[in-house]
C-alpha atoms as a PDB file:
ATOM      1  CA  MET A   1     -54.012  98.393 141.178  1.00  0.00           C
ATOM      2  CA  GLY A   2     -54.565  94.648 141.254  1.00  0.00           C
ATOM      3  CA  ILE A   3     -53.072  92.147 143.639  1.00  0.00           C
ATOM      4  CA  PHE A   4     -50.487  91.003 141.081  1.00  0.00           C
ATOM      5  CA  ASP A   5     -49.384  94.593 140.522  1.00  0.00           C
ATOM      6  CA  LYS A   6     -48.833  94.896 144.264  1.00  0.00           C
ATOM      7  CA  PHE A   7     -46.734  91.715 144.206  1.00  0.00           C
ATOM      8  CA  LYS A   8     -44.632  93.083 141.352  1.00  0.00           C
ATOM      9  CA  HIS A   9     -43.850  96.254 143.278  1.00  0.00           C
ATOM     10  CA  GLN A  10     -43.004  94.425 146.488  1.00  0.00           C
ATOM     11  CA  ALA A  11     -41.515  91.218 145.121  1.00  0.00           C
ATOM     12  CA  LYS A  12     -37.932  92.103 145.967  1.00  0.00           C
ATOM     13  CA  GLY A  13     -38.622  92.404 149.676  1.00  0.00           C
ATOM     14  CA  SER A  14     -39.974  89.938 152.149  1.00  0.00           C
ATOM     15  CA  LYS A  15     -43.271  91.839 152.194  1.00  0.00           C
ATOM     16  CA  GLY A  16     -44.190  90.377 148.799  1.00  0.00           C
ATOM     17  CA  LYS A  17     -43.585  86.853 150.084  1.00  0.00           C
ATOM     18  CA  ASP A  18     -45.554  87.640 153.231  1.00  0.00           C
ATOM     19  CA  MET A  19     -48.469  88.851 151.098  1.00  0.00           C
ATOM     20  CA  SER A  20     -48.243  85.729 148.952  1.00  0.00           C
ATOM     21  CA  ASP A  21     -48.286  83.480 152.015  1.00  0.00           C
ATOM     22  CA  ALA A  22     -51.223  85.392 153.487  1.00  0.00           C
ATOM     23  CA  ALA A  23     -53.175  85.028 150.240  1.00  0.00           C
ATOM     24  CA  GLU A  24     -52.432  81.297 150.176  1.00  0.00           C
ATOM     25  CA  ARG A  25     -53.600  80.873 153.775  1.00  0.00           C
ATOM     26  CA  LYS A  26     -56.798  82.840 153.101  1.00  0.00           C
ATOM     27  CA  VAL A  27     -57.687  80.772 150.022  1.00  0.00           C
ATOM     28  CA  ASN A  28     -56.974  77.525 151.868  1.00  0.00           C
ATOM     29  CA  GLU A  29     -59.102  78.731 154.776  1.00  0.00           C
ATOM     30  CA  LYS A  30     -62.006  79.645 152.491  1.00  0.00           C
ATOM     31  CA  THR A  31     -61.883  76.306 150.648  1.00  0.00           C
ATOM     32  CA  GLY A  32     -61.392  74.202 153.760  1.00  0.00           C
ATOM     33  CA  ASN A  33     -57.971  73.067 152.430  1.00  0.00           C
ATOM     34  CA  LYS A  34     -59.753  71.004 149.767  1.00  0.00           C
ATOM     35  CA  HIS A  35     -57.505  72.395 147.038  1.00  0.00           C
ATOM     36  CA  GLU A  36     -54.328  72.954 149.042  1.00  0.00           C
ATOM     37  CA  SER A  37     -51.976  71.363 146.516  1.00  0.00           C
ATOM     38  CA  HIS A  38     -53.486  73.366 143.635  1.00  0.00           C
ATOM     39  CA  VAL A  39     -53.242  76.600 145.622  1.00  0.00           C
ATOM     40  CA  ASP A  40     -49.610  75.856 146.474  1.00  0.00           C
ATOM     41  CA  ASP A  41     -48.767  75.138 142.828  1.00  0.00           C
ATOM     42  CA  ALA A  42     -50.440  78.372 141.726  1.00  0.00           C
ATOM     43  CA  GLN A  43     -48.595  80.351 144.390  1.00  0.00           C
ATOM     44  CA  GLN A  44     -45.258  78.941 143.262  1.00  0.00           C
ATOM     45  CA  ARG A  45     -45.989  79.739 139.591  1.00  0.00           C
ATOM     46  CA  VAL A  46     -46.997  83.310 140.362  1.00  0.00           C
ATOM     47  CA  GLU A  47     -43.986  83.876 142.592  1.00  0.00           C
ATOM     48  CA  GLY A  48     -41.705  82.445 139.911  1.00  0.00           C
ATOM     49  CA  GLN A  49     -43.144  84.738 137.248  1.00  0.00           C
ATOM     50  CA  LEU A  50     -42.694  87.728 139.525  1.00  0.00           C
ATOM     51  CA  GLY A  51     -39.101  86.829 140.351  1.00  0.00           C
ATOM     52  CA  MET A  52     -39.896  85.715 143.870  1.00  0.00           C
ATOM     53  CA  ASP A  53     -38.592  82.170 143.450  1.00  0.00           C
ATOM     54  CA  ARG A  54     -38.055  80.821 146.958  1.00  0.00           C
ATOM     55  CA  ASP A  55     -35.519  78.223 145.892  1.00  0.00           C
ATOM     56  CA  GLY A  56     -33.268  80.448 143.843  1.00  0.00           C
ATOM     57  CA  PRO A  57     -31.860  83.941 143.845  1.00  0.00           C
ATOM     58  CA  GLU A  58     -34.193  86.835 143.152  1.00  0.00           C
ATOM     59  CA  ARG A  59     -34.039  88.366 139.720  1.00  0.00           C
ATOM     60  CA  PRO A  60     -33.267  92.076 139.324  1.00  0.00           C
END
């Protein structure tokens, strides 16, 4: 099971968002925050596709 499959299964709860935030922090740490804005954009796109939109209601 890949990381995106894990997000799909846990997207409705806060655990999915916690995992997403942890992944973002780890990538930023590994790249020395050189690509922080790109990582943030990618995180938002993935969360949106999985129904984890932080600004709107979660999809069923």
